[in-house]
Amino acid sequence: MTQISRKEQATATRERLLETAKGLFAEMGYHGTPVRAITRQIRKGDGILYHYFPGGKQEIMAVLLRESFEHRVREIKQLTNETIEHLPLREALLAILGKINELFLNDLDLMRILFRENDLLDLAEAKQLASMMSERVDSIADFLRRRHGKGEIRQMNFTLAARQLLSMWMQHSYSSIIGIKVVSEPDACAYMEELVDFALSLWQPPGDGNGTTE
């Protein structure tokens, strides 16, 4: 019983260190946050941080990014082809963008740290973001190819179409992350609906001039 209690306590301390460090990194910057500031917030000595993270701040940053990206990958993969394949095209695209938007913006502190400090950190984990987005492009492109096979959209460069869709979504996400309004529509859902409707108007199959997408 005591052993379980100690294990739970150790897990809780580790999580407190991670959450405290993340908040301070977002507020003060990675390089502007001393180890002592992290340990003071949880009322522990400096040695506790190195006990859980021997690599110090850099290891904490790597763990924050790695665990966050692993969670995002798991969540996105749950949006399987079977989940969206039966949906009308418009609803399927909104579901895809909605899930991506949710996963990238549900932890603004971490995203702000990554965008602000990426050029300084040079962590392997930070490069996972580019890899993750590349995988999303491929996945959406494959989805569009299947819908073309059903006659719902025209023949086109599906990879570029997927990149365009994600690039337009990213303009809104940047507004939230960096705090600068890149797009005028403040509501994410309304913006994604406008984005999807615009994309579908460009992807209509030949001879379909009535604006239907299903």
N, C-alpha and C. Protein backbone atom coordinates (compact mmCIF):
# COMPACT_ATOMS: atom_id res chain seq x y z
N MET A 1 0.83 -1.20 0.00
CA MET A 1 0.00 0.00 0.00
C MET A 1 0.87 1.25 0.00
N THR A 2 1.94 1.23 0.84
CA THR A 2 2.85 2.37 0.91
C THR A 2 3.56 2.57 -0.42
N GLN A 3 3.95 1.44 -1.05
CA GLN A 3 4.66 1.52 -2.31
C GLN A 3 3.79 2.16 -3.40
N ILE A 4 2.51 1.79 -3.44
CA ILE A 4 1.60 2.37 -4.41
C ILE A 4 1.45 3.87 -4.15
N SER A 5 1.33 4.23 -2.88
CA SER A 5 1.19 5.64 -2.51
C SER A 5 2.40 6.45 -2.94
N ARG A 6 3.59 5.90 -2.77
CA ARG A 6 4.81 6.61 -3.18
C ARG A 6 4.87 6.75 -4.69
N LYS A 7 4.44 5.71 -5.38
CA LYS A 7 4.44 5.77 -6.84
C LYS A 7 3.48 6.85 -7.34
N GLU A 8 2.32 6.90 -6.73
CA GLU A 8 1.34 7.92 -7.10
C GLU A 8 1.87 9.32 -6.79
N GLN A 9 2.55 9.44 -5.65
CA GLN A 9 3.11 10.73 -5.27
C GLN A 9 4.20 11.16 -6.24
N ALA A 10 5.02 10.20 -6.65
CA ALA A 10 6.09 10.51 -7.61
C ALA A 10 5.50 10.95 -8.95
N THR A 11 4.45 10.26 -9.38
CA THR A 11 3.79 10.63 -10.64
C THR A 11 3.20 12.04 -10.56
N ALA A 12 2.58 12.34 -9.41
CA ALA A 12 1.98 13.66 -9.22
C ALA A 12 3.05 14.76 -9.22
N THR A 13 4.19 14.48 -8.57
CA THR A 13 5.27 15.47 -8.54
C THR A 13 5.82 15.72 -9.94
N ARG A 14 6.00 14.65 -10.68
CA ARG A 14 6.49 14.78 -12.06
C ARG A 14 5.53 15.64 -12.89
N GLU A 15 4.24 15.38 -12.76
CA GLU A 15 3.26 16.14 -13.53
C GLU A 15 3.23 17.61 -13.11
N ARG A 16 3.40 17.86 -11.82
CA ARG A 16 3.43 19.25 -11.34
C ARG A 16 4.64 19.98 -11.90
N LEU A 17 5.77 19.30 -11.95
CA LEU A 17 6.97 19.91 -12.53
C LEU A 17 6.74 20.26 -14.01
N LEU A 18 6.13 19.34 -14.74
CA LEU A 18 5.88 19.57 -16.16
C LEU A 18 4.92 20.73 -16.38
N GLU A 19 3.81 20.73 -15.65
CA GLU A 19 2.81 21.77 -15.82
C GLU A 19 3.33 23.14 -15.39
N THR A 20 4.09 23.15 -14.29
CA THR A 20 4.65 24.41 -13.81
C THR A 20 5.67 24.96 -14.80
N ALA A 21 6.53 24.08 -15.29
CA ALA A 21 7.53 24.51 -16.27
C ALA A 21 6.86 25.03 -17.54
N LYS A 22 5.83 24.34 -17.99
CA LYS A 22 5.14 24.77 -19.21
C LYS A 22 4.55 26.17 -19.04
N GLY A 23 3.92 26.42 -17.91
CA GLY A 23 3.34 27.74 -17.66
C GLY A 23 4.39 28.83 -17.61
N LEU A 24 5.51 28.54 -16.96
CA LEU A 24 6.59 29.53 -16.86
C LEU A 24 7.28 29.75 -18.20
N PHE A 25 7.49 28.67 -18.96
CA PHE A 25 8.10 28.81 -20.29
C PHE A 25 7.23 29.71 -21.17
N ALA A 26 5.91 29.53 -21.08
CA ALA A 26 5.00 30.34 -21.89
C ALA A 26 5.01 31.80 -21.45
N GLU A 27 5.14 32.01 -20.14
CA GLU A 27 5.09 33.37 -19.59
C GLU A 27 6.42 34.10 -19.71
N MET A 28 7.52 33.40 -19.37
CA MET A 28 8.83 34.06 -19.27
C MET A 28 9.79 33.68 -20.39
N GLY A 29 9.40 32.69 -21.20
CA GLY A 29 10.31 32.18 -22.21
C GLY A 29 11.14 31.04 -21.64
N TYR A 30 11.55 30.13 -22.52
CA TYR A 30 12.34 28.97 -22.08
C TYR A 30 13.64 29.42 -21.43
N HIS A 31 14.38 30.27 -22.11
CA HIS A 31 15.68 30.69 -21.60
C HIS A 31 15.56 31.70 -20.47
N GLY A 32 14.40 32.31 -20.33
CA GLY A 32 14.19 33.26 -19.25
C GLY A 32 13.68 32.63 -17.97
N THR A 33 13.51 31.32 -17.99
CA THR A 33 12.99 30.60 -16.82
C THR A 33 14.10 29.81 -16.14
N PRO A 34 14.57 30.21 -14.97
CA PRO A 34 15.58 29.42 -14.26
C PRO A 34 14.95 28.21 -13.59
N VAL A 35 15.75 27.20 -13.35
CA VAL A 35 15.27 25.99 -12.67
C VAL A 35 14.65 26.36 -11.32
N ARG A 36 15.27 27.28 -10.64
CA ARG A 36 14.78 27.66 -9.30
C ARG A 36 13.35 28.19 -9.35
N ALA A 37 13.00 28.89 -10.43
CA ALA A 37 11.63 29.42 -10.54
C ALA A 37 10.62 28.29 -10.62
N ILE A 38 11.00 27.20 -11.29
CA ILE A 38 10.10 26.05 -11.42
C ILE A 38 9.92 25.36 -10.08
N THR A 39 11.03 25.09 -9.40
CA THR A 39 10.94 24.36 -8.13
C THR A 39 10.32 25.19 -7.02
N ARG A 40 10.51 26.50 -7.06
CA ARG A 40 9.90 27.36 -6.04
C ARG A 40 8.38 27.29 -6.12
N GLN A 41 7.87 27.24 -7.33
CA GLN A 41 6.41 27.24 -7.49
C GLN A 41 5.76 26.01 -6.87
N ILE A 42 6.48 24.90 -6.86
CA ILE A 42 5.91 23.70 -6.23
C ILE A 42 6.49 23.48 -4.84
N ARG A 43 7.25 24.47 -4.36
CA ARG A 43 7.80 24.46 -3.00
C ARG A 43 8.69 23.24 -2.74
N LYS A 44 9.60 23.02 -3.67
CA LYS A 44 10.57 21.94 -3.55
C LYS A 44 11.97 22.49 -3.78
N GLY A 45 12.97 21.72 -3.40
CA GLY A 45 14.34 22.11 -3.66
C GLY A 45 14.71 21.89 -5.12
N ASP A 46 15.79 22.56 -5.57
CA ASP A 46 16.20 22.44 -6.97
C ASP A 46 16.51 21.00 -7.36
N GLY A 47 16.99 20.21 -6.41
CA GLY A 47 17.39 18.84 -6.72
C GLY A 47 16.25 17.97 -7.19
N ILE A 48 15.01 18.31 -6.82
CA ILE A 48 13.88 17.48 -7.19
C ILE A 48 13.69 17.45 -8.70
N LEU A 49 13.97 18.59 -9.35
CA LEU A 49 13.81 18.64 -10.81
C LEU A 49 14.79 17.70 -11.49
N TYR A 50 16.03 17.69 -11.03
CA TYR A 50 17.04 16.84 -11.66
C TYR A 50 16.83 15.37 -11.31
N HIS A 51 16.13 15.11 -10.22
CA HIS A 51 15.80 13.72 -9.87
C HIS A 51 14.87 13.13 -10.92
N TYR A 52 13.88 13.90 -11.32
CA TYR A 52 12.91 13.41 -12.31
C TYR A 52 13.37 13.67 -13.74
N PHE A 53 14.14 14.72 -13.93
CA PHE A 53 14.59 15.10 -15.27
C PHE A 53 16.08 15.43 -15.21
N PRO A 54 16.94 14.40 -15.28
CA PRO A 54 18.39 14.61 -15.16
C PRO A 54 18.94 15.61 -16.17
N GLY A 55 18.28 15.74 -17.31
CA GLY A 55 18.74 16.68 -18.33
C GLY A 55 18.29 18.10 -18.10
N GLY A 56 17.64 18.35 -16.97
CA GLY A 56 17.22 19.72 -16.63
C GLY A 56 16.11 20.25 -17.50
N LYS A 57 16.16 21.55 -17.75
CA LYS A 57 15.09 22.22 -18.51
C LYS A 57 14.92 21.64 -19.91
N GLN A 58 16.03 21.31 -20.56
CA GLN A 58 15.93 20.80 -21.92
C GLN A 58 15.18 19.47 -21.95
N GLU A 59 15.43 18.63 -20.97
CA GLU A 59 14.70 17.36 -20.92
C GLU A 59 13.22 17.59 -20.65
N ILE A 60 12.91 18.54 -19.77
CA ILE A 60 11.50 18.87 -19.51
C ILE A 60 10.83 19.33 -20.80
N MET A 61 11.48 20.19 -21.54
CA MET A 61 10.91 20.69 -22.79
C MET A 61 10.70 19.54 -23.78
N ALA A 62 11.68 18.65 -23.86
CA ALA A 62 11.56 17.51 -24.76
C ALA A 62 10.40 16.60 -24.37
N VAL A 63 10.25 16.36 -23.07
CA VAL A 63 9.16 15.50 -22.58
C VAL A 63 7.81 16.16 -22.86
N LEU A 64 7.70 17.45 -22.61
CA LEU A 64 6.45 18.17 -22.88
C LEU A 64 6.04 18.02 -24.34
N LEU A 65 6.98 18.22 -25.23
CA LEU A 65 6.67 18.13 -26.66
C LEU A 65 6.36 16.70 -27.06
N ARG A 66 7.19 15.76 -26.59
CA ARG A 66 7.00 14.36 -26.99
C ARG A 66 5.65 13.83 -26.53
N GLU A 67 5.32 14.05 -25.26
CA GLU A 67 4.06 13.53 -24.74
C GLU A 67 2.86 14.22 -25.39
N SER A 68 3.01 15.50 -25.68
CA SER A 68 1.92 16.23 -26.33
C SER A 68 1.69 15.70 -27.74
N PHE A 69 2.77 15.49 -28.49
CA PHE A 69 2.63 15.03 -29.86
C PHE A 69 2.13 13.59 -29.91
N GLU A 70 2.59 12.75 -28.98
CA GLU A 70 2.10 11.38 -28.94
C GLU A 70 0.59 11.35 -28.71
N HIS A 71 0.12 12.23 -27.82
CA HIS A 71 -1.32 12.33 -27.57
C HIS A 71 -2.05 12.78 -28.82
N ARG A 72 -1.51 13.77 -29.51
CA ARG A 72 -2.16 14.28 -30.71
C ARG A 72 -2.23 13.22 -31.80
N VAL A 73 -1.16 12.47 -31.97
CA VAL A 73 -1.14 11.42 -32.99
C VAL A 73 -2.19 10.36 -32.68
N ARG A 74 -2.29 9.95 -31.43
CA ARG A 74 -3.29 8.95 -31.04
C ARG A 74 -4.70 9.46 -31.32
N GLU A 75 -4.96 10.70 -30.96
CA GLU A 75 -6.30 11.26 -31.14
C GLU A 75 -6.65 11.39 -32.62
N ILE A 76 -5.71 11.86 -33.41
CA ILE A 76 -5.98 12.03 -34.84
C ILE A 76 -6.20 10.69 -35.51
N LYS A 77 -5.43 9.67 -35.11
CA LYS A 77 -5.59 8.35 -35.72
C LYS A 77 -6.93 7.72 -35.38
N GLN A 78 -7.55 8.18 -34.30
CA GLN A 78 -8.88 7.67 -33.96
C GLN A 78 -9.92 8.14 -34.97
N LEU A 79 -9.61 9.24 -35.66
CA LEU A 79 -10.50 9.71 -36.72
C LEU A 79 -10.18 8.89 -37.97
N THR A 80 -10.54 7.63 -37.93
CA THR A 80 -10.17 6.69 -38.97
C THR A 80 -11.01 6.89 -40.23
N ASN A 81 -10.59 6.22 -41.29
CA ASN A 81 -11.35 6.29 -42.53
C ASN A 81 -12.78 5.81 -42.32
N GLU A 82 -12.93 4.76 -41.47
CA GLU A 82 -14.26 4.23 -41.21
C GLU A 82 -15.15 5.26 -40.53
N THR A 83 -14.54 6.12 -39.71
CA THR A 83 -15.30 7.12 -38.97
C THR A 83 -15.88 8.18 -39.89
N ILE A 84 -15.12 8.58 -40.89
CA ILE A 84 -15.55 9.69 -41.75
C ILE A 84 -16.03 9.25 -43.13
N GLU A 85 -15.75 8.00 -43.51
CA GLU A 85 -16.03 7.58 -44.88
C GLU A 85 -17.52 7.62 -45.21
N HIS A 86 -18.35 7.36 -44.22
CA HIS A 86 -19.80 7.33 -44.48
C HIS A 86 -20.43 8.71 -44.45
N LEU A 87 -19.67 9.71 -43.99
CA LEU A 87 -20.22 11.06 -43.87
C LEU A 87 -20.30 11.75 -45.23
N PRO A 88 -21.27 12.64 -45.40
CA PRO A 88 -21.25 13.50 -46.60
C PRO A 88 -19.93 14.26 -46.65
N LEU A 89 -19.50 14.62 -47.85
CA LEU A 89 -18.18 15.21 -48.03
C LEU A 89 -17.96 16.44 -47.16
N ARG A 90 -18.92 17.34 -47.14
CA ARG A 90 -18.77 18.57 -46.35
C ARG A 90 -18.61 18.25 -44.87
N GLU A 91 -19.44 17.35 -44.35
CA GLU A 91 -19.37 16.99 -42.93
C GLU A 91 -18.05 16.30 -42.61
N ALA A 92 -17.57 15.47 -43.53
CA ALA A 92 -16.31 14.77 -43.30
C ALA A 92 -15.14 15.75 -43.21
N LEU A 93 -15.10 16.72 -44.12
CA LEU A 93 -14.02 17.71 -44.09
C LEU A 93 -14.08 18.56 -42.82
N LEU A 94 -15.29 18.91 -42.40
CA LEU A 94 -15.43 19.68 -41.16
C LEU A 94 -14.98 18.85 -39.95
N ALA A 95 -15.26 17.55 -39.97
CA ALA A 95 -14.84 16.68 -38.88
C ALA A 95 -13.32 16.59 -38.82
N ILE A 96 -12.68 16.47 -39.98
CA ILE A 96 -11.22 16.40 -40.04
C ILE A 96 -10.59 17.68 -39.51
N LEU A 97 -11.03 18.82 -40.03
CA LEU A 97 -10.47 20.10 -39.59
C LEU A 97 -10.79 20.38 -38.13
N GLY A 98 -12.00 20.00 -37.70
CA GLY A 98 -12.38 20.24 -36.31
C GLY A 98 -11.50 19.48 -35.34
N LYS A 99 -11.19 18.22 -35.67
CA LYS A 99 -10.33 17.42 -34.80
C LYS A 99 -8.91 17.99 -34.77
N ILE A 100 -8.38 18.34 -35.92
CA ILE A 100 -7.03 18.92 -35.97
C ILE A 100 -6.99 20.23 -35.19
N ASN A 101 -8.00 21.07 -35.38
CA ASN A 101 -8.05 22.35 -34.68
C ASN A 101 -8.10 22.15 -33.17
N GLU A 102 -8.93 21.21 -32.74
CA GLU A 102 -9.06 20.92 -31.30
C GLU A 102 -7.74 20.47 -30.70
N LEU A 103 -7.05 19.59 -31.39
CA LEU A 103 -5.83 19.01 -30.84
C LEU A 103 -4.67 20.00 -30.82
N PHE A 104 -4.63 20.90 -31.79
CA PHE A 104 -3.53 21.85 -31.82
C PHE A 104 -3.75 23.05 -30.91
N LEU A 105 -5.01 23.38 -30.65
CA LEU A 105 -5.28 24.59 -29.88
C LEU A 105 -5.75 24.33 -28.47
N ASN A 106 -5.83 23.05 -28.06
CA ASN A 106 -6.28 22.79 -26.68
C ASN A 106 -5.16 22.99 -25.67
N ASP A 107 -3.95 23.27 -26.15
CA ASP A 107 -2.83 23.55 -25.25
C ASP A 107 -2.05 24.72 -25.84
N LEU A 108 -2.62 25.92 -25.69
CA LEU A 108 -2.02 27.10 -26.31
C LEU A 108 -0.65 27.42 -25.72
N ASP A 109 -0.46 27.15 -24.43
CA ASP A 109 0.85 27.43 -23.81
C ASP A 109 1.96 26.70 -24.55
N LEU A 110 1.74 25.41 -24.79
CA LEU A 110 2.78 24.61 -25.44
C LEU A 110 3.01 25.07 -26.88
N MET A 111 1.94 25.37 -27.59
CA MET A 111 2.08 25.83 -28.97
C MET A 111 2.83 27.16 -29.03
N ARG A 112 2.55 28.05 -28.08
CA ARG A 112 3.23 29.34 -28.06
C ARG A 112 4.72 29.17 -27.76
N ILE A 113 5.03 28.25 -26.84
CA ILE A 113 6.43 27.98 -26.54
C ILE A 113 7.14 27.46 -27.78
N LEU A 114 6.51 26.51 -28.45
CA LEU A 114 7.12 25.89 -29.62
C LEU A 114 7.36 26.91 -30.73
N PHE A 115 6.37 27.74 -31.00
CA PHE A 115 6.50 28.73 -32.07
C PHE A 115 7.56 29.78 -31.72
N ARG A 116 7.63 30.16 -30.46
CA ARG A 116 8.54 31.22 -30.04
C ARG A 116 9.97 30.73 -29.87
N GLU A 117 10.14 29.51 -29.41
CA GLU A 117 11.47 29.04 -29.02
C GLU A 117 12.06 28.00 -29.96
N ASN A 118 11.33 27.60 -30.99
CA ASN A 118 11.78 26.49 -31.82
C ASN A 118 13.16 26.70 -32.41
N ASP A 119 13.45 27.92 -32.87
CA ASP A 119 14.74 28.17 -33.49
C ASP A 119 15.89 28.09 -32.49
N LEU A 120 15.57 28.24 -31.20
CA LEU A 120 16.60 28.19 -30.16
C LEU A 120 16.77 26.79 -29.58
N LEU A 121 15.68 26.03 -29.54
CA LEU A 121 15.73 24.73 -28.87
C LEU A 121 16.40 23.66 -29.71
N ASP A 122 16.07 23.60 -31.00
CA ASP A 122 16.64 22.58 -31.89
C ASP A 122 16.46 21.18 -31.31
N LEU A 123 15.25 20.89 -30.82
CA LEU A 123 14.95 19.57 -30.27
C LEU A 123 14.38 18.66 -31.36
N ALA A 124 14.75 17.39 -31.29
CA ALA A 124 14.20 16.43 -32.25
C ALA A 124 12.68 16.39 -32.13
N GLU A 125 12.18 16.52 -30.89
CA GLU A 125 10.74 16.46 -30.68
C GLU A 125 10.01 17.60 -31.38
N ALA A 126 10.66 18.76 -31.47
CA ALA A 126 10.03 19.91 -32.12
C ALA A 126 9.81 19.64 -33.60
N LYS A 127 10.69 18.83 -34.19
CA LYS A 127 10.57 18.53 -35.62
C LYS A 127 9.40 17.60 -35.90
N GLN A 128 8.83 17.01 -34.86
CA GLN A 128 7.68 16.13 -35.05
C GLN A 128 6.47 16.90 -35.56
N LEU A 129 6.42 18.19 -35.29
CA LEU A 129 5.29 18.98 -35.75
C LEU A 129 5.23 18.99 -37.27
N ALA A 130 6.37 19.21 -37.91
CA ALA A 130 6.41 19.20 -39.38
C ALA A 130 6.04 17.83 -39.92
N SER A 131 6.54 16.78 -39.26
CA SER A 131 6.23 15.42 -39.69
C SER A 131 4.74 15.13 -39.54
N MET A 132 4.16 15.59 -38.43
CA MET A 132 2.74 15.36 -38.19
C MET A 132 1.88 16.06 -39.25
N MET A 133 2.24 17.29 -39.58
CA MET A 133 1.47 18.02 -40.59
C MET A 133 1.62 17.37 -41.96
N SER A 134 2.80 16.86 -42.26
CA SER A 134 3.01 16.18 -43.53
C SER A 134 2.14 14.93 -43.63
N GLU A 135 2.03 14.20 -42.53
CA GLU A 135 1.17 13.02 -42.50
C GLU A 135 -0.29 13.39 -42.69
N ARG A 136 -0.70 14.53 -42.11
CA ARG A 136 -2.10 14.98 -42.27
C ARG A 136 -2.37 15.33 -43.73
N VAL A 137 -1.40 15.96 -44.39
CA VAL A 137 -1.56 16.29 -45.81
C VAL A 137 -1.78 15.02 -46.61
N ASP A 138 -0.95 14.01 -46.38
CA ASP A 138 -1.07 12.74 -47.11
C ASP A 138 -2.42 12.08 -46.84
N SER A 139 -2.85 12.11 -45.58
CA SER A 139 -4.11 11.48 -45.21
C SER A 139 -5.29 12.17 -45.88
N ILE A 140 -5.30 13.51 -45.86
CA ILE A 140 -6.39 14.25 -46.49
C ILE A 140 -6.36 14.06 -48.00
N ALA A 141 -5.17 14.05 -48.59
CA ALA A 141 -5.06 13.83 -50.03
C ALA A 141 -5.64 12.47 -50.42
N ASP A 142 -5.34 11.44 -49.65
CA ASP A 142 -5.90 10.10 -49.92
C ASP A 142 -7.42 10.11 -49.80
N PHE A 143 -7.92 10.82 -48.80
CA PHE A 143 -9.37 10.93 -48.62
C PHE A 143 -10.01 11.60 -49.83
N LEU A 144 -9.38 12.67 -50.33
CA LEU A 144 -9.91 13.37 -51.50
C LEU A 144 -9.88 12.48 -52.74
N ARG A 145 -8.85 11.68 -52.88
CA ARG A 145 -8.78 10.75 -54.02
C ARG A 145 -9.95 9.78 -54.00
N ARG A 146 -10.27 9.29 -52.79
CA ARG A 146 -11.39 8.35 -52.69
C ARG A 146 -12.70 9.03 -53.05
N ARG A 147 -12.86 10.26 -52.62
CA ARG A 147 -14.10 10.98 -52.95
C ARG A 147 -14.16 11.32 -54.45
N HIS A 148 -13.02 11.54 -55.06
CA HIS A 148 -13.00 11.72 -56.51
C HIS A 148 -13.44 10.43 -57.19
N GLY A 149 -13.00 9.31 -56.66
CA GLY A 149 -13.40 8.02 -57.21
C GLY A 149 -14.91 7.80 -57.16
N LYS A 150 -15.56 8.47 -56.23
CA LYS A 150 -17.03 8.39 -56.11
C LYS A 150 -17.73 9.46 -56.95
N GLY A 151 -16.93 10.27 -57.64
CA GLY A 151 -17.51 11.30 -58.49
C GLY A 151 -17.93 12.56 -57.77
N GLU A 152 -17.48 12.74 -56.52
CA GLU A 152 -17.93 13.89 -55.73
C GLU A 152 -17.11 15.15 -55.97
N ILE A 153 -15.87 14.98 -56.41
CA ILE A 153 -15.01 16.13 -56.71
C ILE A 153 -14.24 15.85 -57.99
N ARG A 154 -13.72 16.89 -58.58
CA ARG A 154 -13.03 16.74 -59.86
C ARG A 154 -11.61 16.20 -59.68
N GLN A 155 -11.01 15.79 -60.78
CA GLN A 155 -9.61 15.40 -60.79
C GLN A 155 -8.74 16.64 -60.57
N MET A 156 -7.75 16.52 -59.71
CA MET A 156 -6.86 17.65 -59.44
C MET A 156 -5.62 17.12 -58.75
N ASN A 157 -4.72 18.01 -58.39
CA ASN A 157 -3.56 17.64 -57.59
C ASN A 157 -4.05 17.56 -56.14
N PHE A 158 -4.33 16.35 -55.67
CA PHE A 158 -4.96 16.19 -54.37
C PHE A 158 -4.02 16.57 -53.21
N THR A 159 -2.73 16.39 -53.41
CA THR A 159 -1.78 16.78 -52.37
C THR A 159 -1.77 18.29 -52.18
N LEU A 160 -1.75 19.03 -53.30
CA LEU A 160 -1.78 20.49 -53.20
C LEU A 160 -3.12 20.97 -52.64
N ALA A 161 -4.20 20.29 -52.99
CA ALA A 161 -5.51 20.66 -52.45
C ALA A 161 -5.54 20.48 -50.93
N ALA A 162 -4.94 19.38 -50.46
CA ALA A 162 -4.88 19.14 -49.02
C ALA A 162 -4.01 20.18 -48.33
N ARG A 163 -2.89 20.53 -48.95
CA ARG A 163 -2.02 21.56 -48.38
C ARG A 163 -2.72 22.90 -48.32
N GLN A 164 -3.47 23.23 -49.37
CA GLN A 164 -4.20 24.49 -49.39
C GLN A 164 -5.22 24.53 -48.25
N LEU A 165 -5.93 23.43 -48.06
CA LEU A 165 -6.94 23.36 -47.00
C LEU A 165 -6.31 23.59 -45.63
N LEU A 166 -5.21 22.88 -45.37
CA LEU A 166 -4.55 23.02 -44.07
C LEU A 166 -3.89 24.39 -43.91
N SER A 167 -3.35 24.93 -44.99
CA SER A 167 -2.71 26.25 -44.91
C SER A 167 -3.73 27.32 -44.55
N MET A 168 -4.91 27.22 -45.12
CA MET A 168 -5.95 28.20 -44.81
C MET A 168 -6.45 28.03 -43.38
N TRP A 169 -6.51 26.78 -42.91
CA TRP A 169 -6.87 26.55 -41.51
C TRP A 169 -5.80 27.14 -40.59
N MET A 170 -4.53 26.98 -40.96
CA MET A 170 -3.44 27.43 -40.10
C MET A 170 -3.44 28.94 -39.92
N GLN A 171 -3.98 29.68 -40.89
CA GLN A 171 -4.05 31.13 -40.72
C GLN A 171 -4.89 31.49 -39.49
N HIS A 172 -5.97 30.75 -39.28
CA HIS A 172 -6.82 31.02 -38.11
C HIS A 172 -6.14 30.54 -36.84
N SER A 173 -5.48 29.39 -36.90
CA SER A 173 -4.81 28.87 -35.71
C SER A 173 -3.67 29.78 -35.28
N TYR A 174 -2.95 30.36 -36.24
CA TYR A 174 -1.88 31.30 -35.90
C TYR A 174 -2.42 32.49 -35.13
N SER A 175 -3.64 32.92 -35.49
CA SER A 175 -4.24 34.05 -34.79
C SER A 175 -4.37 33.76 -33.31
N SER A 176 -4.73 32.52 -32.98
CA SER A 176 -4.88 32.14 -31.57
C SER A 176 -3.53 31.97 -30.89
N ILE A 177 -2.57 31.40 -31.62
CA ILE A 177 -1.28 31.09 -31.02
C ILE A 177 -0.43 32.33 -30.78
N ILE A 178 -0.35 33.19 -31.78
CA ILE A 178 0.54 34.35 -31.67
C ILE A 178 -0.20 35.62 -31.24
N GLY A 179 -1.54 35.55 -31.19
CA GLY A 179 -2.30 36.69 -30.72
C GLY A 179 -2.43 37.82 -31.71
N ILE A 180 -2.14 37.56 -32.98
CA ILE A 180 -2.28 38.56 -34.04
C ILE A 180 -3.38 38.08 -34.98
N LYS A 181 -4.37 38.92 -35.23
CA LYS A 181 -5.49 38.53 -36.07
C LYS A 181 -5.07 38.47 -37.53
N VAL A 182 -4.88 37.24 -38.01
CA VAL A 182 -4.53 37.04 -39.41
C VAL A 182 -5.79 36.99 -40.27
N VAL A 183 -6.88 36.49 -39.68
CA VAL A 183 -8.17 36.44 -40.38
C VAL A 183 -9.19 37.22 -39.55
N SER A 184 -10.22 37.72 -40.22
CA SER A 184 -11.19 38.58 -39.55
C SER A 184 -12.24 37.81 -38.78
N GLU A 185 -12.50 36.54 -39.16
CA GLU A 185 -13.54 35.75 -38.51
C GLU A 185 -13.02 35.19 -37.18
N PRO A 186 -13.56 35.64 -36.04
CA PRO A 186 -13.04 35.19 -34.74
C PRO A 186 -13.50 33.79 -34.34
N ASP A 187 -14.63 33.34 -34.90
CA ASP A 187 -15.18 32.04 -34.50
C ASP A 187 -14.58 30.93 -35.36
N ALA A 188 -13.94 29.97 -34.72
CA ALA A 188 -13.24 28.91 -35.45
C ALA A 188 -14.21 28.06 -36.27
N CYS A 189 -15.35 27.71 -35.70
CA CYS A 189 -16.32 26.86 -36.40
C CYS A 189 -16.85 27.56 -37.65
N ALA A 190 -17.19 28.84 -37.50
CA ALA A 190 -17.70 29.61 -38.64
C ALA A 190 -16.63 29.73 -39.73
N TYR A 191 -15.38 29.93 -39.30
CA TYR A 191 -14.29 30.05 -40.28
C TYR A 191 -14.08 28.74 -41.02
N MET A 192 -14.13 27.62 -40.30
CA MET A 192 -13.92 26.33 -40.96
C MET A 192 -15.05 26.01 -41.92
N GLU A 193 -16.27 26.38 -41.58
CA GLU A 193 -17.38 26.17 -42.50
C GLU A 193 -17.20 27.00 -43.77
N GLU A 194 -16.79 28.25 -43.59
CA GLU A 194 -16.53 29.12 -44.74
C GLU A 194 -15.40 28.56 -45.59
N LEU A 195 -14.37 28.06 -44.94
CA LEU A 195 -13.21 27.49 -45.63
C LEU A 195 -13.60 26.25 -46.43
N VAL A 196 -14.34 25.34 -45.81
CA VAL A 196 -14.75 24.12 -46.50
C VAL A 196 -15.68 24.43 -47.67
N ASP A 197 -16.62 25.33 -47.47
CA ASP A 197 -17.54 25.69 -48.56
C ASP A 197 -16.79 26.30 -49.74
N PHE A 198 -15.78 27.12 -49.44
CA PHE A 198 -14.99 27.71 -50.51
C PHE A 198 -14.21 26.63 -51.26
N ALA A 199 -13.59 25.72 -50.51
CA ALA A 199 -12.81 24.65 -51.14
C ALA A 199 -13.71 23.79 -52.03
N LEU A 200 -14.87 23.44 -51.52
CA LEU A 200 -15.78 22.59 -52.30
C LEU A 200 -16.27 23.29 -53.56
N SER A 201 -16.41 24.61 -53.51
CA SER A 201 -16.83 25.34 -54.71
C SER A 201 -15.76 25.25 -55.80
N LEU A 202 -14.50 25.10 -55.40
CA LEU A 202 -13.41 24.96 -56.36
C LEU A 202 -13.24 23.53 -56.84
N TRP A 203 -13.73 22.58 -56.06
CA TRP A 203 -13.51 21.17 -56.36
C TRP A 203 -14.68 20.50 -57.06
N GLN A 204 -15.69 21.26 -57.45
CA GLN A 204 -16.86 20.66 -58.09
C GLN A 204 -16.45 19.86 -59.32
N PRO A 205 -17.06 18.70 -59.51
CA PRO A 205 -16.76 17.92 -60.71
C PRO A 205 -17.29 18.62 -61.95
N PRO A 206 -16.73 18.34 -63.12
CA PRO A 206 -17.19 18.98 -64.36
C PRO A 206 -18.68 18.78 -64.57
N GLY A 207 -19.35 19.85 -64.97
CA GLY A 207 -20.77 19.74 -65.26
C GLY A 207 -21.66 19.94 -64.06
N ASP A 208 -21.07 20.02 -62.85
CA ASP A 208 -21.87 20.22 -61.64
C ASP A 208 -21.85 21.70 -61.30
N GLY A 209 -22.82 22.42 -61.78
CA GLY A 209 -22.84 23.86 -61.56
C GLY A 209 -23.84 24.30 -60.54
N ASN A 210 -24.44 23.33 -59.83
CA ASN A 210 -25.48 23.71 -58.87
C ASN A 210 -24.95 23.90 -57.46
N GLY A 211 -23.60 23.70 -57.30
CA GLY A 211 -23.00 23.95 -56.00
C GLY A 211 -23.15 22.81 -55.02
N THR A 212 -23.73 21.67 -55.45
CA THR A 212 -23.85 20.55 -54.52
C THR A 212 -22.52 19.88 -54.35
N THR A 213 -22.29 19.33 -53.18
CA THR A 213 -21.00 18.71 -52.88
C THR A 213 -21.14 17.29 -52.40
N GLU A 214 -22.36 16.77 -52.34
CA GLU A 214 -22.56 15.43 -51.82
C GLU A 214 -23.02 14.51 -52.94
